[in-house]
Amino acid sequence: MANGTDIQALLFDVFGTVVDWRGGVAREARSFLDRYAPQLDAYEFADAWRSKYGPSMEEVRSGRRPFVRLDVLHYENLSQVLQEYRIDTAAIPQQELDALNLAWHRLDPWPDSVQGLGRLKQRFMIAPMSNGHIRLMMDIAKRAGLPWDAILGSEVVRAYKPAPQAYLGAVEVLGLQPDQICMVAAHNGDLAAARRCGLKTAFIPRPTEHGPTQTSNLRAEQDWDYVARDMNDLASQLGCPA
């Protein structure tokens, strides 16, 4: 286990680690689907939309296209999903498509997130290190009451995780050394990339992020510096008062 007194800042993955993207997107999509595809399950739709998340970012990471905000990728991915489900977008008002795309701005926190972050904030600088852009992270934080000290992530460093620049750019912005920062995530791959950049790591399992039949990221797959049950457990391990 790492020495928590060496850590000055905690950076957090957001989608899946801090907020429930699947439940939020399904909730937001339900009324839209009721109008245009009532036979579709909202969770299936959310999963299909999310499945295009990684491949769309890889186009940017690989250099095949310039950096664009996640809202742009989400809209392109939404258009693909609607086409795959044979939903005629020509019959849908543009404002409805735009509103559905903003579902990712209206996500709920996991039950422990707000309290746990509040405790961690007492001792450390805390900020999202998300593939979401600034406005997206601000909207989620305002709605959910997330007490960030700053908004970091893809738009700040113009790179998507797990590219090294995504982590090292945040380190540079904070003016710290990599080992003075701890990356917190529910995804082993995110933590592995952060560790390769010299950051400390903390794993928090979110076993229902992908629904009740989730098979990935159910447990720590490496010897991370911290493994916690939830945000409050991490706060306790790092000596933050209740």
C-alpha atoms as a PDB file:
ATOM      1  CA  MET A   1       0.000   0.000   0.000  1.00  0.00           C
ATOM      2  CA  ALA A   2       1.199   3.491  -0.833  1.00  0.00           C
ATOM      3  CA  ASN A   3       1.861   6.136   1.752  1.00  0.00           C
ATOM      4  CA  GLY A   4      -1.178   8.410   1.607  1.00  0.00           C
ATOM      5  CA  THR A   5       0.787  11.314   3.064  1.00  0.00           C
ATOM      6  CA  ASP A   6       2.757  11.547  -0.216  1.00  0.00           C
ATOM      7  CA  ILE A   7      -0.402  12.105  -2.259  1.00  0.00           C
ATOM      8  CA  GLN A   8      -1.531  15.673  -2.888  1.00  0.00           C
ATOM      9  CA  ALA A   9      -4.216  15.175  -5.521  1.00  0.00           C
ATOM     10  CA  LEU A  10      -6.724  12.539  -6.547  1.00  0.00           C
ATOM     11  CA  LEU A  11      -7.925  12.276 -10.148  1.00  0.00           C
ATOM     12  CA  PHE A  12     -11.112  10.351 -10.918  1.00  0.00           C
ATOM     13  CA  ASP A  13     -12.500   8.472 -13.830  1.00  0.00           C
ATOM     14  CA  VAL A  14     -16.136   9.613 -13.987  1.00  0.00           C
ATOM     15  CA  PHE A  15     -18.268   7.420 -16.282  1.00  0.00           C
ATOM     16  CA  GLY A  16     -18.800   4.241 -14.284  1.00  0.00           C
ATOM     17  CA  THR A  17     -16.569   5.171 -11.349  1.00  0.00           C
ATOM     18  CA  VAL A  18     -18.336   8.267 -10.014  1.00  0.00           C
ATOM     19  CA  VAL A  19     -21.634   8.199 -11.915  1.00  0.00           C
ATOM     20  CA  ASP A  20     -23.947   5.505 -13.264  1.00  0.00           C
ATOM     21  CA  TRP A  21     -23.861   6.155 -17.009  1.00  0.00           C
ATOM     22  CA  ARG A  22     -25.944   3.105 -17.953  1.00  0.00           C
ATOM     23  CA  GLY A  23     -28.858   3.842 -15.659  1.00  0.00           C
ATOM     24  CA  GLY A  24     -28.827   7.526 -16.563  1.00  0.00           C
ATOM     25  CA  VAL A  25     -28.706   7.053 -20.324  1.00  0.00           C
ATOM     26  CA  ALA A  26     -31.420   4.376 -20.190  1.00  0.00           C
ATOM     27  CA  ARG A  27     -33.638   6.669 -18.115  1.00  0.00           C
ATOM     28  CA  GLU A  28     -33.150   9.564 -20.522  1.00  0.00           C
ATOM     29  CA  ALA A  29     -33.634   7.370 -23.591  1.00  0.00           C
ATOM     30  CA  ARG A  30     -36.860   5.728 -22.420  1.00  0.00           C
ATOM     31  CA  SER A  31     -39.253   8.524 -23.365  1.00  0.00           C
ATOM     32  CA  PHE A  32     -37.492   8.993 -26.713  1.00  0.00           C
ATOM     33  CA  LEU A  33     -37.780   5.280 -27.477  1.00  0.00           C
ATOM     34  CA  ASP A  34     -41.432   5.252 -26.410  1.00  0.00           C
ATOM     35  CA  ARG A  35     -42.104   7.684 -29.239  1.00  0.00           C
ATOM     36  CA  TYR A  36     -39.889   6.255 -31.960  1.00  0.00           C
ATOM     37  CA  ALA A  37     -39.025   2.619 -31.125  1.00  0.00           C
ATOM     38  CA  PRO A  38     -41.248   1.335 -28.285  1.00  0.00           C
ATOM     39  CA  GLN A  39     -40.124  -2.245 -28.850  1.00  0.00           C
ATOM     40  CA  LEU A  40     -36.541  -1.432 -27.825  1.00  0.00           C
ATOM     41  CA  ASP A  41     -35.244  -1.965 -24.303  1.00  0.00           C
ATOM     42  CA  ALA A  42     -33.717   1.253 -22.968  1.00  0.00           C
ATOM     43  CA  TYR A  43     -30.785  -0.540 -21.336  1.00  0.00           C
ATOM     44  CA  GLU A  44     -30.004  -2.397 -24.542  1.00  0.00           C
ATOM     45  CA  PHE A  45     -30.032   0.933 -26.336  1.00  0.00           C
ATOM     46  CA  ALA A  46     -27.698   2.479 -23.733  1.00  0.00           C
ATOM     47  CA  ASP A  47     -25.305  -0.454 -24.066  1.00  0.00           C
ATOM     48  CA  ALA A  48     -25.311  -0.203 -27.854  1.00  0.00           C
ATOM     49  CA  TRP A  49     -24.558   3.511 -27.687  1.00  0.00           C
ATOM     50  CA  ARG A  50     -21.763   3.005 -25.176  1.00  0.00           C
ATOM     51  CA  SER A  51     -20.230   0.197 -27.255  1.00  0.00           C
ATOM     52  CA  LYS A  52     -19.134   2.785 -29.821  1.00  0.00           C
ATOM     53  CA  TYR A  53     -17.435   4.980 -27.198  1.00  0.00           C
ATOM     54  CA  GLY A  54     -14.001   3.347 -27.289  1.00  0.00           C
ATOM     55  CA  PRO A  55     -13.739   2.886 -31.069  1.00  0.00           C
ATOM     56  CA  SER A  56     -14.744   6.499 -31.714  1.00  0.00           C
ATOM     57  CA  MET A  57     -12.042   7.799 -29.368  1.00  0.00           C
ATOM     58  CA  GLU A  58      -9.471   5.512 -30.952  1.00  0.00           C
ATOM     59  CA  GLU A  59      -9.854   7.518 -34.159  1.00  0.00           C
ATOM     60  CA  VAL A  60      -8.547  10.528 -32.210  1.00  0.00           C
ATOM     61  CA  ARG A  61      -5.919   8.635 -30.208  1.00  0.00           C
ATOM     62  CA  SER A  62      -4.498   7.129 -33.393  1.00  0.00           C
ATOM     63  CA  GLY A  63      -4.186  10.533 -35.048  1.00  0.00           C
ATOM     64  CA  ARG A  64      -6.612   9.601 -37.821  1.00  0.00           C
ATOM     65  CA  ARG A  65      -8.768  12.611 -36.885  1.00  0.00           C
ATOM     66  CA  PRO A  66      -8.138  15.789 -34.862  1.00  0.00           C
ATOM     67  CA  PHE A  67      -9.331  16.065 -31.278  1.00  0.00           C
ATOM     68  CA  VAL A  68     -13.054  16.755 -30.909  1.00  0.00           C
ATOM     69  CA  ARG A  69     -15.174  17.006 -27.775  1.00  0.00           C
ATOM     70  CA  LEU A  70     -16.984  13.932 -26.524  1.00  0.00           C
ATOM     71  CA  ASP A  71     -20.370  15.504 -27.340  1.00  0.00           C
ATOM     72  CA  VAL A  72     -19.388  15.315 -31.019  1.00  0.00           C
ATOM     73  CA  LEU A  73     -18.393  11.657 -30.748  1.00  0.00           C
ATOM     74  CA  HIS A  74     -21.524  10.841 -28.751  1.00  0.00           C
ATOM     75  CA  TYR A  75     -23.731  12.405 -31.428  1.00  0.00           C
ATOM     76  CA  GLU A  76     -21.977  10.545 -34.227  1.00  0.00           C
ATOM     77  CA  ASN A  77     -22.295   7.314 -32.238  1.00  0.00           C
ATOM     78  CA  LEU A  78     -25.978   8.013 -31.559  1.00  0.00           C
ATOM     79  CA  SER A  79     -26.595   8.474 -35.265  1.00  0.00           C
ATOM     80  CA  GLN A  80     -24.960   5.114 -35.977  1.00  0.00           C
ATOM     81  CA  VAL A  81     -27.014   3.336 -33.315  1.00  0.00           C
ATOM     82  CA  LEU A  82     -30.275   4.818 -34.575  1.00  0.00           C
ATOM     83  CA  GLN A  83     -29.375   3.690 -38.079  1.00  0.00           C
ATOM     84  CA  GLU A  84     -28.547   0.176 -36.877  1.00  0.00           C
ATOM     85  CA  TYR A  85     -31.923  -0.053 -35.145  1.00  0.00           C
ATOM     86  CA  ARG A  86     -33.584   1.277 -38.336  1.00  0.00           C
ATOM     87  CA  ILE A  87     -34.976   4.341 -36.603  1.00  0.00           C
ATOM     88  CA  ASP A  88     -35.677   6.985 -39.254  1.00  0.00           C
ATOM     89  CA  THR A  89     -33.936  10.123 -38.006  1.00  0.00           C
ATOM     90  CA  ALA A  90     -35.442  12.154 -40.857  1.00  0.00           C
ATOM     91  CA  ALA A  91     -38.755  11.970 -39.028  1.00  0.00           C
ATOM     92  CA  ILE A  92     -37.286  13.144 -35.709  1.00  0.00           C
ATOM     93  CA  PRO A  93     -36.953  16.883 -34.919  1.00  0.00           C
ATOM     94  CA  GLN A  94     -33.309  17.918 -34.568  1.00  0.00           C
ATOM     95  CA  GLN A  95     -33.954  19.352 -31.110  1.00  0.00           C
ATOM     96  CA  GLU A  96     -35.034  15.905 -29.908  1.00  0.00           C
ATOM     97  CA  LEU A  97     -31.828  14.328 -31.169  1.00  0.00           C
ATOM     98  CA  ASP A  98     -29.781  17.084 -29.548  1.00  0.00           C
ATOM     99  CA  ALA A  99     -31.650  16.635 -26.258  1.00  0.00           C
ATOM    100  CA  LEU A 100     -31.091  12.882 -26.297  1.00  0.00           C
ATOM    101  CA  ASN A 101     -27.377  13.401 -26.945  1.00  0.00           C
ATOM    102  CA  LEU A 102     -27.242  15.475 -23.761  1.00  0.00           C
ATOM    103  CA  ALA A 103     -28.369  12.439 -21.747  1.00  0.00           C
ATOM    104  CA  TRP A 104     -24.688  12.030 -20.877  1.00  0.00           C
ATOM    105  CA  HIS A 105     -24.837  15.410 -19.099  1.00  0.00           C
ATOM    106  CA  ARG A 106     -27.626  14.204 -16.770  1.00  0.00           C
ATOM    107  CA  LEU A 107     -26.205  11.198 -14.963  1.00  0.00           C
ATOM    108  CA  ASP A 108     -26.727  10.200 -11.334  1.00  0.00           C
ATOM    109  CA  PRO A 109     -23.866   9.576  -8.894  1.00  0.00           C
ATOM    110  CA  TRP A 110     -23.404   6.222  -7.219  1.00  0.00           C
ATOM    111  CA  PRO A 111     -24.825   6.362  -3.660  1.00  0.00           C
ATOM    112  CA  ASP A 112     -21.394   6.749  -2.024  1.00  0.00           C
ATOM    113  CA  SER A 113     -19.866   9.216  -4.492  1.00  0.00           C
ATOM    114  CA  VAL A 114     -20.916  12.616  -3.131  1.00  0.00           C
ATOM    115  CA  GLN A 115     -20.199  11.855   0.522  1.00  0.00           C
ATOM    116  CA  GLY A 116     -16.942  10.072  -0.271  1.00  0.00           C
ATOM    117  CA  LEU A 117     -15.686  12.868  -2.502  1.00  0.00           C
ATOM    118  CA  GLY A 118     -16.583  15.408   0.155  1.00  0.00           C
ATOM    119  CA  ARG A 119     -14.446  13.557   2.666  1.00  0.00           C
ATOM    120  CA  LEU A 120     -11.529  13.198   0.244  1.00  0.00           C
ATOM    121  CA  LYS A 121     -11.711  16.897  -0.615  1.00  0.00           C
ATOM    122  CA  GLN A 122     -10.935  17.783   3.000  1.00  0.00           C
ATOM    123  CA  ARG A 123      -7.419  16.435   2.606  1.00  0.00           C
ATOM    124  CA  PHE A 124      -6.643  16.334  -1.123  1.00  0.00           C
ATOM    125  CA  MET A 125      -7.178  18.284  -4.310  1.00  0.00           C
ATOM    126  CA  ILE A 126      -9.809  16.370  -6.268  1.00  0.00           C
ATOM    127  CA  ALA A 127     -10.699  16.608  -9.950  1.00  0.00           C
ATOM    128  CA  PRO A 128     -12.190  14.480 -12.697  1.00  0.00           C
ATOM    129  CA  MET A 129      -9.725  12.927 -15.133  1.00  0.00           C
ATOM    130  CA  SER A 130     -12.368  11.976 -17.651  1.00  0.00           C
ATOM    131  CA  ASN A 131     -12.686  11.577 -21.367  1.00  0.00           C
ATOM    132  CA  GLY A 132     -15.590  13.979 -21.010  1.00  0.00           C
ATOM    133  CA  HIS A 133     -14.999  17.627 -21.847  1.00  0.00           C
ATOM    134  CA  ILE A 134     -15.291  20.608 -19.499  1.00  0.00           C
ATOM    135  CA  ARG A 135     -18.964  21.488 -20.071  1.00  0.00           C
ATOM    136  CA  LEU A 136     -19.990  17.850 -19.812  1.00  0.00           C
ATOM    137  CA  MET A 137     -18.145  17.431 -16.502  1.00  0.00           C
ATOM    138  CA  MET A 138     -19.555  20.712 -15.167  1.00  0.00           C
ATOM    139  CA  ASP A 139     -23.128  19.729 -16.014  1.00  0.00           C
ATOM    140  CA  ILE A 140     -22.755  16.341 -14.345  1.00  0.00           C
ATOM    141  CA  ALA A 141     -21.173  17.952 -11.282  1.00  0.00           C
ATOM    142  CA  LYS A 142     -23.883  20.610 -10.956  1.00  0.00           C
ATOM    143  CA  ARG A 143     -26.674  18.061 -11.232  1.00  0.00           C
ATOM    144  CA  ALA A 144     -25.081  15.467  -8.968  1.00  0.00           C
ATOM    145  CA  GLY A 145     -23.453  17.804  -6.441  1.00  0.00           C
ATOM    146  CA  LEU A 146     -19.910  16.602  -7.084  1.00  0.00           C
ATOM    147  CA  PRO A 147     -17.496  18.861  -5.145  1.00  0.00           C
ATOM    148  CA  TRP A 148     -14.589  19.070  -7.584  1.00  0.00           C
ATOM    149  CA  ASP A 149     -11.753  21.548  -7.007  1.00  0.00           C
ATOM    150  CA  ALA A 150     -11.123  21.757 -10.764  1.00  0.00           C
ATOM    151  CA  ILE A 151     -12.190  20.134 -14.031  1.00  0.00           C
ATOM    152  CA  LEU A 152      -9.427  18.214 -15.800  1.00  0.00           C
ATOM    153  CA  GLY A 153      -9.603  15.656 -18.549  1.00  0.00           C
ATOM    154  CA  SER A 154      -9.604  15.232 -22.285  1.00  0.00           C
ATOM    155  CA  GLU A 155     -10.383  18.787 -23.382  1.00  0.00           C
ATOM    156  CA  VAL A 156      -7.710  20.258 -21.122  1.00  0.00           C
ATOM    157  CA  VAL A 157      -4.943  18.026 -22.460  1.00  0.00           C
ATOM    158  CA  ARG A 158      -6.437  17.387 -25.932  1.00  0.00           C
ATOM    159  CA  ALA A 159      -6.043  13.645 -25.551  1.00  0.00           C
ATOM    160  CA  TYR A 160      -8.216  10.677 -24.633  1.00  0.00           C
ATOM    161  CA  LYS A 161      -7.316   8.058 -22.063  1.00  0.00           C
ATOM    162  CA  PRO A 162      -5.509   5.725 -22.026  1.00  0.00           C
ATOM    163  CA  ALA A 163      -3.040   7.753 -24.096  1.00  0.00           C
ATOM    164  CA  PRO A 164      -0.102   8.735 -21.838  1.00  0.00           C
ATOM    165  CA  GLN A 165      -0.583  12.439 -22.602  1.00  0.00           C
ATOM    166  CA  ALA A 166      -4.002  12.297 -20.970  1.00  0.00           C
ATOM    167  CA  TYR A 167      -2.394  11.520 -17.610  1.00  0.00           C
ATOM    168  CA  LEU A 168       0.891  13.383 -17.996  1.00  0.00           C
ATOM    169  CA  GLY A 169      -0.907  16.495 -19.202  1.00  0.00           C
ATOM    170  CA  ALA A 170      -2.974  16.554 -16.009  1.00  0.00           C
ATOM    171  CA  VAL A 171       0.180  16.094 -13.939  1.00  0.00           C
ATOM    172  CA  GLU A 172       1.714  19.102 -15.674  1.00  0.00           C
ATOM    173  CA  VAL A 173      -1.402  21.238 -15.155  1.00  0.00           C
ATOM    174  CA  LEU A 174      -1.349  20.502 -11.422  1.00  0.00           C
ATOM    175  CA  GLY A 175       2.357  21.257 -11.123  1.00  0.00           C
ATOM    176  CA  LEU A 176       3.009  18.027  -9.239  1.00  0.00           C
ATOM    177  CA  GLN A 177       5.110  14.933  -9.699  1.00  0.00           C
ATOM    178  CA  PRO A 178       3.285  11.847 -11.023  1.00  0.00           C
ATOM    179  CA  ASP A 179       3.721   9.961  -7.758  1.00  0.00           C
ATOM    180  CA  GLN A 180       2.030  12.788  -5.865  1.00  0.00           C
ATOM    181  CA  ILE A 181      -1.202  12.044  -7.737  1.00  0.00           C
ATOM    182  CA  CYS A 182      -3.489   9.045  -7.345  1.00  0.00           C
ATOM    183  CA  MET A 183      -5.761   7.936 -10.179  1.00  0.00           C
ATOM    184  CA  VAL A 184      -9.067   6.512  -8.931  1.00  0.00           C
ATOM    185  CA  ALA A 185     -11.059   4.271 -11.263  1.00  0.00           C
ATOM    186  CA  ALA A 186     -13.342   1.275 -11.507  1.00  0.00           C
ATOM    187  CA  HIS A 187     -11.442   0.108 -14.592  1.00  0.00           C
ATOM    188  CA  ASN A 188      -8.227  -1.871 -14.366  1.00  0.00           C
ATOM    189  CA  GLY A 189      -7.098  -0.701 -17.805  1.00  0.00           C
ATOM    190  CA  ASP A 190      -7.372   2.955 -16.809  1.00  0.00           C
ATOM    191  CA  LEU A 191      -5.277   2.318 -13.714  1.00  0.00           C
ATOM    192  CA  ALA A 192      -2.681   0.321 -15.654  1.00  0.00           C
ATOM    193  CA  ALA A 193      -2.203   3.241 -18.048  1.00  0.00           C
ATOM    194  CA  ALA A 194      -1.942   5.692 -15.154  1.00  0.00           C
ATOM    195  CA  ARG A 195       0.603   3.496 -13.379  1.00  0.00           C
ATOM    196  CA  ARG A 196       2.769   3.372 -16.500  1.00  0.00           C
ATOM    197  CA  CYS A 197       2.875   7.168 -16.294  1.00  0.00           C
ATOM    198  CA  GLY A 198       4.057   7.034 -12.678  1.00  0.00           C
ATOM    199  CA  LEU A 199       0.781   7.833 -10.903  1.00  0.00           C
ATOM    200  CA  LYS A 200      -0.420   6.018  -7.825  1.00  0.00           C
ATOM    201  CA  THR A 201      -3.589   4.004  -8.270  1.00  0.00           C
ATOM    202  CA  ALA A 202      -6.829   3.224  -6.422  1.00  0.00           C
ATOM    203  CA  PHE A 203      -9.429   0.694  -7.562  1.00  0.00           C
ATOM    204  CA  ILE A 204     -13.102   0.921  -6.616  1.00  0.00           C
ATOM    205  CA  PRO A 205     -15.279  -1.866  -8.043  1.00  0.00           C
ATOM    206  CA  ARG A 206     -18.584  -0.930  -9.646  1.00  0.00           C
ATOM    207  CA  PRO A 207     -19.952  -4.430 -10.329  1.00  0.00           C
ATOM    208  CA  THR A 208     -23.192  -3.227 -11.926  1.00  0.00           C
ATOM    209  CA  GLU A 209     -21.753  -0.515 -14.209  1.00  0.00           C
ATOM    210  CA  HIS A 210     -22.629  -2.665 -17.225  1.00  0.00           C
ATOM    211  CA  GLY A 211     -25.728  -4.195 -15.670  1.00  0.00           C
ATOM    212  CA  PRO A 212     -26.487  -7.301 -13.598  1.00  0.00           C
ATOM    213  CA  THR A 213     -24.530  -9.673 -15.844  1.00  0.00           C
ATOM    214  CA  GLN A 214     -21.287  -7.678 -15.854  1.00  0.00           C
ATOM    215  CA  THR A 215     -18.162  -9.820 -16.186  1.00  0.00           C
ATOM    216  CA  SER A 216     -15.374  -7.202 -16.396  1.00  0.00           C
ATOM    217  CA  ASN A 217     -13.631  -5.160 -13.694  1.00  0.00           C
ATOM    218  CA  LEU A 218     -15.301  -7.058 -10.877  1.00  0.00           C
ATOM    219  CA  ARG A 219     -12.062  -7.115  -8.896  1.00  0.00           C
ATOM    220  CA  ALA A 220      -8.581  -5.640  -8.810  1.00  0.00           C
ATOM    221  CA  GLU A 221      -6.447  -7.323 -11.452  1.00  0.00           C
ATOM    222  CA  GLN A 222      -3.126  -5.887 -10.289  1.00  0.00           C
ATOM    223  CA  ASP A 223      -1.616  -4.909  -6.968  1.00  0.00           C
ATOM    224  CA  TRP A 224      -2.961  -1.360  -7.012  1.00  0.00           C
ATOM    225  CA  ASP A 225      -1.808   1.021  -4.299  1.00  0.00           C
ATOM    226  CA  TYR A 226      -5.328   1.065  -2.861  1.00  0.00           C
ATOM    227  CA  VAL A 227      -8.306  -1.222  -3.288  1.00  0.00           C
ATOM    228  CA  ALA A 228     -11.483   0.097  -1.671  1.00  0.00           C
ATOM    229  CA  ARG A 229     -15.101  -1.022  -1.443  1.00  0.00           C
ATOM    230  CA  ASP A 230     -16.377   2.448  -2.347  1.00  0.00           C
ATOM    231  CA  MET A 231     -15.491   6.139  -2.062  1.00  0.00           C
ATOM    232  CA  ASN A 232     -16.044   6.227   1.674  1.00  0.00           C
ATOM    233  CA  ASP A 233     -13.791   3.247   2.207  1.00  0.00           C
ATOM    234  CA  LEU A 234     -11.090   4.955   0.142  1.00  0.00           C
ATOM    235  CA  ALA A 235     -11.509   8.115   2.228  1.00  0.00           C
ATOM    236  CA  SER A 236     -11.075   6.068   5.402  1.00  0.00           C
ATOM    237  CA  GLN A 237      -7.970   4.341   4.040  1.00  0.00           C
ATOM    238  CA  LEU A 238      -6.486   7.754   3.208  1.00  0.00           C
ATOM    239  CA  GLY A 239      -7.182   9.134   6.664  1.00  0.00           C
ATOM    240  CA  CYS A 240      -9.998  11.524   5.761  1.00  0.00           C
ATOM    241  CA  PRO A 241     -12.418  12.350   8.588  1.00  0.00           C
ATOM    242  CA  ALA A 242     -15.997  11.110   8.345  1.00  0.00           C
END
